[in-house]
């Protein structure tokens, strides 16, 4: 089920795909890459759920 907060994002993605349906995947990728080239990409790593904030671990069921 699509939540109301994500409706705008969903419609923008659908609009993007529909308007670019006649170009190849390579051309579409090139256009997308052109929009993000030169921008900073931020990656956030998360800790697995069995590692606590103090660094200790707890047992994980197999």
Protein backbone atom coordinates (compact mmCIF):
# COMPACT_ATOMS: atom_id res chain seq x y z
CA UNK A 1 0.00 0.00 0.00
CA UNK A 2 1.32 3.42 -0.91
CA UNK A 3 1.32 5.84 2.00
CA UNK A 4 0.10 9.39 1.56
CA UNK A 5 3.49 10.91 2.50
CA UNK A 6 5.11 9.04 -0.44
CA UNK A 7 2.46 9.81 -3.06
CA UNK A 8 4.34 12.83 -4.44
CA UNK A 9 7.57 10.83 -4.81
CA UNK A 10 5.73 7.99 -6.50
CA UNK A 11 4.03 10.33 -8.98
CA UNK A 12 7.30 12.11 -9.78
CA UNK A 13 9.01 8.78 -10.48
CA UNK A 14 6.12 7.62 -12.67
CA UNK A 15 6.17 10.94 -14.55
CA UNK A 16 9.96 10.66 -15.07
CA UNK A 17 9.68 7.14 -16.49
CA UNK A 18 6.71 7.97 -18.70
CA UNK A 19 8.33 11.06 -20.20
CA UNK A 20 11.52 9.13 -20.98
CA UNK A 21 9.93 5.90 -22.22
CA UNK A 22 11.21 6.32 -25.80
CA UNK A 23 14.91 6.62 -24.98
CA UNK A 24 17.23 3.69 -24.33
CA UNK A 25 18.32 2.61 -20.88
CA UNK A 26 21.85 3.83 -21.64
CA UNK A 27 20.57 7.29 -22.57
CA UNK A 28 18.35 7.39 -19.49
CA UNK A 29 21.29 6.40 -17.28
CA UNK A 30 23.49 9.05 -18.89
CA UNK A 31 20.86 11.72 -18.26
CA UNK A 32 20.47 10.65 -14.65
CA UNK A 33 24.21 10.49 -14.08
CA UNK A 34 24.55 13.97 -15.58
CA UNK A 35 22.24 15.30 -12.88
CA UNK A 36 24.32 13.88 -10.00
CA UNK A 37 27.85 14.31 -11.38
CA UNK A 38 29.91 16.61 -9.21
CA UNK A 39 27.61 16.38 -6.21
CA UNK A 40 28.56 14.98 -2.86
CA UNK A 41 27.20 11.56 -2.02
CA UNK A 42 26.62 10.90 1.66
CA UNK A 43 26.58 7.35 2.96
CA UNK A 44 25.41 6.52 6.45
CA UNK A 45 26.45 3.16 7.85
CA UNK A 46 24.27 1.58 10.50
CA UNK A 47 25.31 -0.90 13.12
CA UNK A 48 23.78 -4.36 13.11
CA UNK A 49 21.02 -4.69 15.72
CA UNK A 50 23.07 -7.07 17.88
CA UNK A 51 25.76 -4.43 18.57
CA UNK A 52 24.92 -2.09 21.42
CA UNK A 53 25.93 1.57 21.71
CA UNK A 54 28.72 0.71 24.17
CA UNK A 55 30.23 -1.79 21.67
CA UNK A 56 29.16 -4.92 23.51
CA UNK A 57 27.16 -7.58 21.71
CA UNK A 58 24.12 -9.59 22.61
CA UNK A 59 23.13 -13.07 21.53
CA UNK A 60 21.32 -13.31 18.23
CA UNK A 61 18.93 -16.16 17.52
CA UNK A 62 19.95 -18.18 14.45
